[in-house]
Structure formats: C-alpha cells, structure tokens
Amino acid sequence: MAFGTATIFEIGAYYIPLLDHLMDTLTTPAAVVAGTIMTASLVTDLSPFLKWTLALIAGGGVAGLVQTGSVFLRGASTAATGGFGNVLVSTGEIFGSILTTLLALILPCLRRSGYAQAGPSFLRRDHPDPANRISNCN
C-alpha cells in the first residue's frame, strides 16, 4: 500500500506541472542524506571521523549537486513553459537514468572482454592479466 501510494505520487510528480518542481525541492535534503548514508555504508576500514567526512563530501555532495541541478532545470522549464515543458524534462531524466544504469552494468564487462577500448592508450594493456578478469563477465 505504501509503495503503491509513493509510486502514484512519484509519477504525478514527474508529469503534473508545478507538482514536479515542488517535489524536487522537498526531496533535495533527502537526497543529500541518502547519498551520505549510502557512501558511509560502502566505505570500510577508515576511522569513523574520516568515513563520515568522506561520506558527507563525496556521497552527500554529489547527490546534492545532481538533485540541485534537477531542481534548477525543472525550475527553468517551469518558468519558460508554465510547467508544460517539464514532461519532456521528466522523460529525458527517465531515459538518462535507464541508459546510465545499463552502461554501468554492461561497460565493465565489455571492457574486460576487450570489446570496448575506452580510455587513453597509455592506460590500456595489450595483454590483460587473466587472473585479474571478472569471472561473471567472461
């Protein structure tokens, strides 16, 4: 029930003019907190002070920067089109997040298998170490 309600509000926030900008503005602090907690949960073997400082700067800072960019983009779209152009912004965000997710999952495997030669040539290795391969990407 709770997830269904949240899903309906999220879809409404994406496609109802002015509601999307309001929801983005309200969720900015939550994005910073979520980014901080996620980064802190992944960082181990550091002192608690260094761990939470890194989490706040790297995780919370990046999440806050991305969320703030989204808020400003939606605000500009709302000001320029009265909110009716936000549907295009929302659809672009959805496709961008799908593409980013797919690239994050596929590119490491392609890189390891040699199909994608990304990066400067001085970072590439002609003969990769077989012991250094990711087993599920072969």
N, C-alpha and C. Protein backbone atom coordinates (compact mmCIF):
# COMPACT_ATOMS: atom_id res chain seq x y z
N MET A 1 0.82 -1.19 0.00
CA MET A 1 0.00 0.00 0.00
C MET A 1 0.87 1.26 0.00
N ALA A 2 1.89 1.26 0.86
CA ALA A 2 2.75 2.44 0.96
C ALA A 2 3.55 2.64 -0.32
N PHE A 3 4.08 1.54 -0.89
CA PHE A 3 4.85 1.68 -2.12
C PHE A 3 3.97 2.08 -3.29
N GLY A 4 2.74 1.58 -3.32
CA GLY A 4 1.81 1.97 -4.37
C GLY A 4 1.48 3.45 -4.31
N THR A 5 1.24 3.95 -3.09
CA THR A 5 0.97 5.37 -2.92
C THR A 5 2.17 6.22 -3.31
N ALA A 6 3.35 5.78 -2.89
CA ALA A 6 4.58 6.51 -3.24
C ALA A 6 4.80 6.52 -4.75
N THR A 7 4.51 5.40 -5.41
CA THR A 7 4.66 5.31 -6.86
C THR A 7 3.70 6.27 -7.56
N ILE A 8 2.47 6.34 -7.10
CA ILE A 8 1.49 7.26 -7.70
C ILE A 8 1.94 8.71 -7.53
N PHE A 9 2.42 9.06 -6.33
CA PHE A 9 2.90 10.42 -6.12
C PHE A 9 4.13 10.71 -6.97
N GLU A 10 5.01 9.73 -7.14
CA GLU A 10 6.22 9.95 -7.95
C GLU A 10 5.86 10.15 -9.42
N ILE A 11 4.94 9.34 -9.92
CA ILE A 11 4.51 9.51 -11.32
C ILE A 11 3.83 10.87 -11.48
N GLY A 12 2.99 11.23 -10.52
CA GLY A 12 2.35 12.54 -10.57
C GLY A 12 3.36 13.67 -10.49
N ALA A 13 4.37 13.47 -9.67
CA ALA A 13 5.41 14.50 -9.54
C ALA A 13 6.19 14.66 -10.83
N TYR A 14 6.29 13.62 -11.62
CA TYR A 14 7.01 13.73 -12.88
C TYR A 14 6.19 14.40 -13.97
N TYR A 15 4.89 14.21 -13.96
CA TYR A 15 4.10 14.63 -15.12
C TYR A 15 3.02 15.65 -14.85
N ILE A 16 2.86 16.12 -13.63
CA ILE A 16 1.89 17.19 -13.35
C ILE A 16 2.66 18.49 -13.15
N PRO A 17 2.36 19.52 -13.98
CA PRO A 17 3.09 20.78 -13.89
C PRO A 17 3.05 21.37 -12.48
N LEU A 18 4.12 21.96 -12.07
CA LEU A 18 4.36 22.60 -10.79
C LEU A 18 4.52 21.61 -9.63
N LEU A 19 3.81 20.48 -9.64
CA LEU A 19 3.98 19.48 -8.59
C LEU A 19 5.37 18.85 -8.68
N ASP A 20 5.88 18.68 -9.90
CA ASP A 20 7.21 18.10 -10.06
C ASP A 20 8.29 19.00 -9.45
N HIS A 21 8.18 20.28 -9.66
CA HIS A 21 9.17 21.20 -9.10
C HIS A 21 9.07 21.25 -7.58
N LEU A 22 7.85 21.23 -7.06
CA LEU A 22 7.65 21.23 -5.61
C LEU A 22 8.24 19.97 -4.97
N MET A 23 7.99 18.81 -5.57
CA MET A 23 8.52 17.55 -5.03
C MET A 23 10.04 17.52 -5.10
N ASP A 24 10.60 18.01 -6.20
CA ASP A 24 12.06 18.07 -6.31
C ASP A 24 12.66 18.97 -5.24
N THR A 25 12.05 20.07 -4.98
CA THR A 25 12.55 20.99 -3.96
C THR A 25 12.49 20.36 -2.57
N LEU A 26 11.44 19.62 -2.30
CA LEU A 26 11.30 18.98 -0.99
C LEU A 26 12.24 17.79 -0.81
N THR A 27 12.59 17.11 -1.90
CA THR A 27 13.42 15.91 -1.78
C THR A 27 14.92 16.19 -1.82
N THR A 28 15.32 17.43 -2.02
CA THR A 28 16.76 17.73 -2.07
C THR A 28 17.47 17.37 -0.77
N PRO A 29 16.96 17.75 0.41
CA PRO A 29 17.65 17.32 1.64
C PRO A 29 17.68 15.80 1.80
N ALA A 30 16.63 15.12 1.38
CA ALA A 30 16.61 13.66 1.47
C ALA A 30 17.67 13.04 0.57
N ALA A 31 17.93 13.64 -0.58
CA ALA A 31 18.96 13.12 -1.48
C ALA A 31 20.34 13.24 -0.86
N VAL A 32 20.60 14.34 -0.18
CA VAL A 32 21.89 14.53 0.49
C VAL A 32 22.06 13.50 1.61
N VAL A 33 21.03 13.29 2.39
CA VAL A 33 21.10 12.31 3.48
C VAL A 33 21.28 10.91 2.92
N ALA A 34 20.53 10.56 1.88
CA ALA A 34 20.65 9.23 1.29
C ALA A 34 22.03 9.00 0.68
N GLY A 35 22.56 10.00 0.00
CA GLY A 35 23.90 9.87 -0.56
C GLY A 35 24.97 9.71 0.50
N THR A 36 24.82 10.42 1.61
CA THR A 36 25.76 10.30 2.71
C THR A 36 25.70 8.92 3.34
N ILE A 37 24.51 8.42 3.60
CA ILE A 37 24.37 7.11 4.23
C ILE A 37 24.86 6.00 3.31
N MET A 38 24.54 6.08 2.03
CA MET A 38 24.99 5.05 1.09
C MET A 38 26.50 5.02 0.99
N THR A 39 27.14 6.17 0.91
CA THR A 39 28.59 6.20 0.83
C THR A 39 29.21 5.69 2.12
N ALA A 40 28.67 6.08 3.25
CA ALA A 40 29.20 5.61 4.53
C ALA A 40 29.07 4.11 4.66
N SER A 41 28.01 3.53 4.12
CA SER A 41 27.84 2.08 4.22
C SER A 41 28.81 1.32 3.35
N LEU A 42 29.34 1.96 2.32
CA LEU A 42 30.27 1.30 1.41
C LEU A 42 31.73 1.50 1.80
N VAL A 43 32.02 2.51 2.58
CA VAL A 43 33.39 2.82 2.97
C VAL A 43 33.70 2.06 4.27
N THR A 44 34.72 1.24 4.22
CA THR A 44 35.12 0.48 5.40
C THR A 44 36.60 0.72 5.68
N ASP A 45 37.06 0.23 6.80
CA ASP A 45 38.47 0.29 7.19
C ASP A 45 39.00 1.72 7.32
N LEU A 46 38.16 2.63 7.70
CA LEU A 46 38.59 4.00 7.98
C LEU A 46 38.09 4.38 9.37
N SER A 47 38.73 5.37 9.94
CA SER A 47 38.25 5.86 11.22
C SER A 47 36.86 6.46 11.02
N PRO A 48 36.01 6.43 12.03
CA PRO A 48 34.65 6.96 11.87
C PRO A 48 34.62 8.42 11.42
N PHE A 49 35.55 9.23 11.93
CA PHE A 49 35.58 10.64 11.54
C PHE A 49 35.87 10.77 10.04
N LEU A 50 36.88 10.06 9.55
CA LEU A 50 37.23 10.12 8.13
C LEU A 50 36.13 9.52 7.26
N LYS A 51 35.54 8.43 7.73
CA LYS A 51 34.47 7.76 7.00
C LYS A 51 33.28 8.69 6.78
N TRP A 52 32.81 9.34 7.85
CA TRP A 52 31.64 10.21 7.72
C TRP A 52 31.96 11.52 7.02
N THR A 53 33.20 11.99 7.16
CA THR A 53 33.60 13.18 6.41
C THR A 53 33.60 12.89 4.92
N LEU A 54 34.19 11.76 4.55
CA LEU A 54 34.20 11.35 3.14
C LEU A 54 32.78 11.12 2.63
N ALA A 55 31.96 10.48 3.44
CA ALA A 55 30.59 10.20 3.03
C ALA A 55 29.80 11.49 2.81
N LEU A 56 29.98 12.45 3.69
CA LEU A 56 29.26 13.71 3.55
C LEU A 56 29.72 14.49 2.32
N ILE A 57 31.03 14.54 2.11
CA ILE A 57 31.54 15.31 0.98
C ILE A 57 31.30 14.60 -0.34
N ALA A 58 31.70 13.32 -0.41
CA ALA A 58 31.59 12.60 -1.68
C ALA A 58 30.15 12.17 -1.96
N GLY A 59 29.55 11.44 -1.04
CA GLY A 59 28.20 10.93 -1.28
C GLY A 59 27.13 11.99 -1.21
N GLY A 60 27.09 12.71 -0.10
CA GLY A 60 26.07 13.75 0.06
C GLY A 60 26.27 14.91 -0.89
N GLY A 61 27.52 15.27 -1.11
CA GLY A 61 27.81 16.38 -2.02
C GLY A 61 27.42 16.09 -3.45
N VAL A 62 27.76 14.90 -3.94
CA VAL A 62 27.42 14.54 -5.32
C VAL A 62 25.90 14.39 -5.47
N ALA A 63 25.26 13.71 -4.51
CA ALA A 63 23.81 13.56 -4.58
C ALA A 63 23.11 14.92 -4.53
N GLY A 64 23.60 15.80 -3.67
CA GLY A 64 23.02 17.14 -3.59
C GLY A 64 23.24 17.95 -4.85
N LEU A 65 24.41 17.80 -5.46
CA LEU A 65 24.70 18.52 -6.71
C LEU A 65 23.78 18.05 -7.84
N VAL A 66 23.61 16.74 -7.97
CA VAL A 66 22.74 16.21 -9.02
C VAL A 66 21.29 16.64 -8.77
N GLN A 67 20.84 16.53 -7.54
CA GLN A 67 19.46 16.91 -7.21
C GLN A 67 19.25 18.41 -7.41
N THR A 68 20.20 19.23 -7.02
CA THR A 68 20.08 20.67 -7.22
C THR A 68 20.03 21.01 -8.71
N GLY A 69 20.83 20.32 -9.51
CA GLY A 69 20.77 20.52 -10.95
C GLY A 69 19.40 20.19 -11.51
N SER A 70 18.81 19.12 -11.01
CA SER A 70 17.46 18.74 -11.44
C SER A 70 16.44 19.80 -11.02
N VAL A 71 16.57 20.32 -9.81
CA VAL A 71 15.65 21.35 -9.33
C VAL A 71 15.76 22.61 -10.19
N PHE A 72 16.97 23.02 -10.50
CA PHE A 72 17.14 24.22 -11.33
C PHE A 72 16.64 24.01 -12.76
N LEU A 73 16.87 22.80 -13.30
CA LEU A 73 16.40 22.52 -14.65
C LEU A 73 14.87 22.54 -14.70
N ARG A 74 14.24 21.93 -13.71
CA ARG A 74 12.79 21.94 -13.67
C ARG A 74 12.25 23.35 -13.41
N GLY A 75 12.94 24.11 -12.56
CA GLY A 75 12.51 25.48 -12.31
C GLY A 75 12.59 26.34 -13.56
N ALA A 76 13.67 26.16 -14.33
CA ALA A 76 13.80 26.91 -15.58
C ALA A 76 12.74 26.48 -16.59
N SER A 77 12.47 25.19 -16.64
CA SER A 77 11.44 24.69 -17.55
C SER A 77 10.06 25.21 -17.14
N THR A 78 9.81 25.23 -15.84
CA THR A 78 8.53 25.75 -15.34
C THR A 78 8.38 27.24 -15.67
N ALA A 79 9.44 27.99 -15.48
CA ALA A 79 9.39 29.43 -15.77
C ALA A 79 9.22 29.70 -17.26
N ALA A 80 9.86 28.88 -18.10
CA ALA A 80 9.82 29.14 -19.54
C ALA A 80 8.55 28.64 -20.19
N THR A 81 7.99 27.53 -19.69
CA THR A 81 6.84 26.93 -20.38
C THR A 81 5.59 26.85 -19.52
N GLY A 82 5.62 27.41 -18.33
CA GLY A 82 4.48 27.33 -17.44
C GLY A 82 4.29 25.94 -16.86
N GLY A 83 5.32 25.12 -16.93
CA GLY A 83 5.27 23.77 -16.38
C GLY A 83 4.95 22.69 -17.40
N PHE A 84 4.53 23.08 -18.58
CA PHE A 84 4.13 22.08 -19.57
C PHE A 84 5.33 21.46 -20.29
N GLY A 85 6.48 22.09 -20.23
CA GLY A 85 7.69 21.51 -20.82
C GLY A 85 8.38 20.52 -19.89
N ASN A 86 7.90 20.44 -18.65
CA ASN A 86 8.52 19.53 -17.68
C ASN A 86 8.30 18.07 -18.03
N VAL A 87 7.28 17.79 -18.83
CA VAL A 87 7.06 16.41 -19.27
C VAL A 87 8.27 15.95 -20.09
N LEU A 88 8.78 16.82 -20.95
CA LEU A 88 9.97 16.46 -21.73
C LEU A 88 11.19 16.30 -20.84
N VAL A 89 11.33 17.16 -19.84
CA VAL A 89 12.45 17.06 -18.91
C VAL A 89 12.35 15.75 -18.13
N SER A 90 11.17 15.40 -17.68
CA SER A 90 10.97 14.16 -16.92
C SER A 90 11.26 12.94 -17.77
N THR A 91 10.78 12.94 -18.99
CA THR A 91 11.03 11.81 -19.88
C THR A 91 12.52 11.69 -20.19
N GLY A 92 13.19 12.81 -20.38
CA GLY A 92 14.63 12.78 -20.59
C GLY A 92 15.38 12.24 -19.39
N GLU A 93 14.93 12.61 -18.19
CA GLU A 93 15.56 12.08 -16.97
C GLU A 93 15.38 10.57 -16.86
N ILE A 94 14.20 10.08 -17.21
CA ILE A 94 13.94 8.64 -17.14
C ILE A 94 14.84 7.90 -18.12
N PHE A 95 14.89 8.35 -19.37
CA PHE A 95 15.75 7.68 -20.35
C PHE A 95 17.22 7.80 -19.98
N GLY A 96 17.61 8.95 -19.43
CA GLY A 96 19.00 9.11 -18.99
C GLY A 96 19.37 8.17 -17.86
N SER A 97 18.45 7.97 -16.92
CA SER A 97 18.74 7.06 -15.81
C SER A 97 18.78 5.61 -16.28
N ILE A 98 17.91 5.24 -17.23
CA ILE A 98 17.95 3.88 -17.77
C ILE A 98 19.26 3.65 -18.52
N LEU A 99 19.66 4.62 -19.34
CA LEU A 99 20.91 4.49 -20.09
C LEU A 99 22.12 4.41 -19.17
N THR A 100 22.15 5.24 -18.15
CA THR A 100 23.27 5.23 -17.21
C THR A 100 23.35 3.90 -16.47
N THR A 101 22.20 3.37 -16.07
CA THR A 101 22.18 2.08 -15.39
C THR A 101 22.69 0.97 -16.29
N LEU A 102 22.21 0.94 -17.53
CA LEU A 102 22.67 -0.08 -18.46
C LEU A 102 24.17 0.03 -18.74
N LEU A 103 24.65 1.24 -18.92
CA LEU A 103 26.09 1.41 -19.16
C LEU A 103 26.92 0.98 -17.95
N ALA A 104 26.43 1.28 -16.75
CA ALA A 104 27.15 0.88 -15.54
C ALA A 104 27.22 -0.63 -15.41
N LEU A 105 26.21 -1.33 -15.90
CA LEU A 105 26.21 -2.79 -15.83
C LEU A 105 26.98 -3.44 -16.96
N ILE A 106 26.92 -2.87 -18.15
CA ILE A 106 27.47 -3.53 -19.34
C ILE A 106 28.92 -3.14 -19.62
N LEU A 107 29.28 -1.87 -19.48
CA LEU A 107 30.62 -1.42 -19.87
C LEU A 107 31.77 -2.12 -19.15
N PRO A 108 31.68 -2.39 -17.84
CA PRO A 108 32.81 -3.11 -17.22
C PRO A 108 33.04 -4.49 -17.84
N CYS A 109 31.96 -5.17 -18.18
CA CYS A 109 32.09 -6.49 -18.80
C CYS A 109 32.67 -6.37 -20.20
N LEU A 110 32.21 -5.38 -20.96
CA LEU A 110 32.75 -5.18 -22.31
C LEU A 110 34.22 -4.78 -22.26
N ARG A 111 34.56 -3.95 -21.31
CA ARG A 111 35.95 -3.51 -21.17
C ARG A 111 36.85 -4.67 -20.83
N ARG A 112 36.40 -5.51 -19.90
CA ARG A 112 37.19 -6.66 -19.50
C ARG A 112 37.34 -7.67 -20.62
N SER A 113 36.31 -7.82 -21.44
CA SER A 113 36.39 -8.80 -22.50
C SER A 113 37.09 -8.25 -23.74
N GLY A 114 37.39 -6.97 -23.76
CA GLY A 114 38.15 -6.39 -24.86
C GLY A 114 37.31 -5.77 -25.95
N TYR A 115 35.98 -5.77 -25.81
CA TYR A 115 35.13 -5.21 -26.85
C TYR A 115 35.08 -3.69 -26.82
N ALA A 116 35.27 -3.12 -25.69
CA ALA A 116 35.24 -1.66 -25.57
C ALA A 116 36.61 -1.18 -25.11
N GLN A 117 37.29 -0.47 -25.96
CA GLN A 117 38.62 0.04 -25.63
C GLN A 117 38.48 1.51 -25.25
N ALA A 118 38.09 1.74 -24.00
CA ALA A 118 37.88 3.10 -23.52
C ALA A 118 39.11 3.59 -22.79
N GLY A 119 39.31 4.88 -22.81
CA GLY A 119 40.41 5.46 -22.06
C GLY A 119 41.62 5.75 -22.93
N PRO A 120 42.54 6.53 -22.40
CA PRO A 120 43.76 6.85 -23.14
C PRO A 120 44.60 5.61 -23.39
N SER A 121 45.36 5.64 -24.46
CA SER A 121 46.14 4.45 -24.84
C SER A 121 47.19 4.08 -23.81
N PHE A 122 47.72 5.04 -23.05
CA PHE A 122 48.74 4.69 -22.06
C PHE A 122 48.16 3.93 -20.87
N LEU A 123 46.84 3.93 -20.71
CA LEU A 123 46.21 3.17 -19.64
C LEU A 123 45.81 1.76 -20.07
N ARG A 124 45.83 1.50 -21.37
CA ARG A 124 45.43 0.19 -21.86
C ARG A 124 46.56 -0.81 -21.73
N ARG A 125 46.18 -2.05 -21.62
CA ARG A 125 47.16 -3.13 -21.57
C ARG A 125 46.93 -4.02 -22.78
N ASP A 126 47.99 -4.36 -23.48
CA ASP A 126 47.85 -5.23 -24.64
C ASP A 126 47.48 -6.65 -24.25
N HIS A 127 48.02 -7.12 -23.14
CA HIS A 127 47.76 -8.48 -22.69
C HIS A 127 47.28 -8.43 -21.25
N PRO A 128 45.96 -8.37 -21.07
CA PRO A 128 45.46 -8.29 -19.70
C PRO A 128 45.77 -9.55 -18.91
N ASP A 129 45.95 -9.37 -17.64
CA ASP A 129 46.24 -10.48 -16.74
C ASP A 129 44.99 -11.32 -16.58
N PRO A 130 45.02 -12.62 -16.96
CA PRO A 130 43.81 -13.43 -16.85
C PRO A 130 43.30 -13.57 -15.41
N ALA A 131 44.19 -13.48 -14.44
CA ALA A 131 43.76 -13.60 -13.04
C ALA A 131 43.00 -12.36 -12.58
N ASN A 132 43.13 -11.27 -13.31
CA ASN A 132 42.51 -10.01 -12.94
C ASN A 132 41.13 -9.83 -13.59
N ARG A 133 40.68 -10.81 -14.36
CA ARG A 133 39.38 -10.71 -15.03
C ARG A 133 38.24 -10.92 -14.06
N ILE A 134 37.13 -10.32 -14.38
CA ILE A 134 35.93 -10.53 -13.57
C ILE A 134 35.28 -11.80 -14.08
N SER A 135 35.04 -12.76 -13.23
CA SER A 135 34.60 -14.08 -13.64
C SER A 135 33.24 -14.07 -14.33
N ASN A 136 32.30 -13.25 -13.89
CA ASN A 136 30.97 -13.30 -14.49
C ASN A 136 30.87 -12.43 -15.74
N CYS A 137 31.93 -11.84 -16.18
CA CYS A 137 31.90 -11.02 -17.40
C CYS A 137 32.58 -11.70 -18.56
N ASN A 138 33.03 -12.91 -18.40
CA ASN A 138 33.73 -13.61 -19.49
C ASN A 138 32.76 -14.18 -20.47
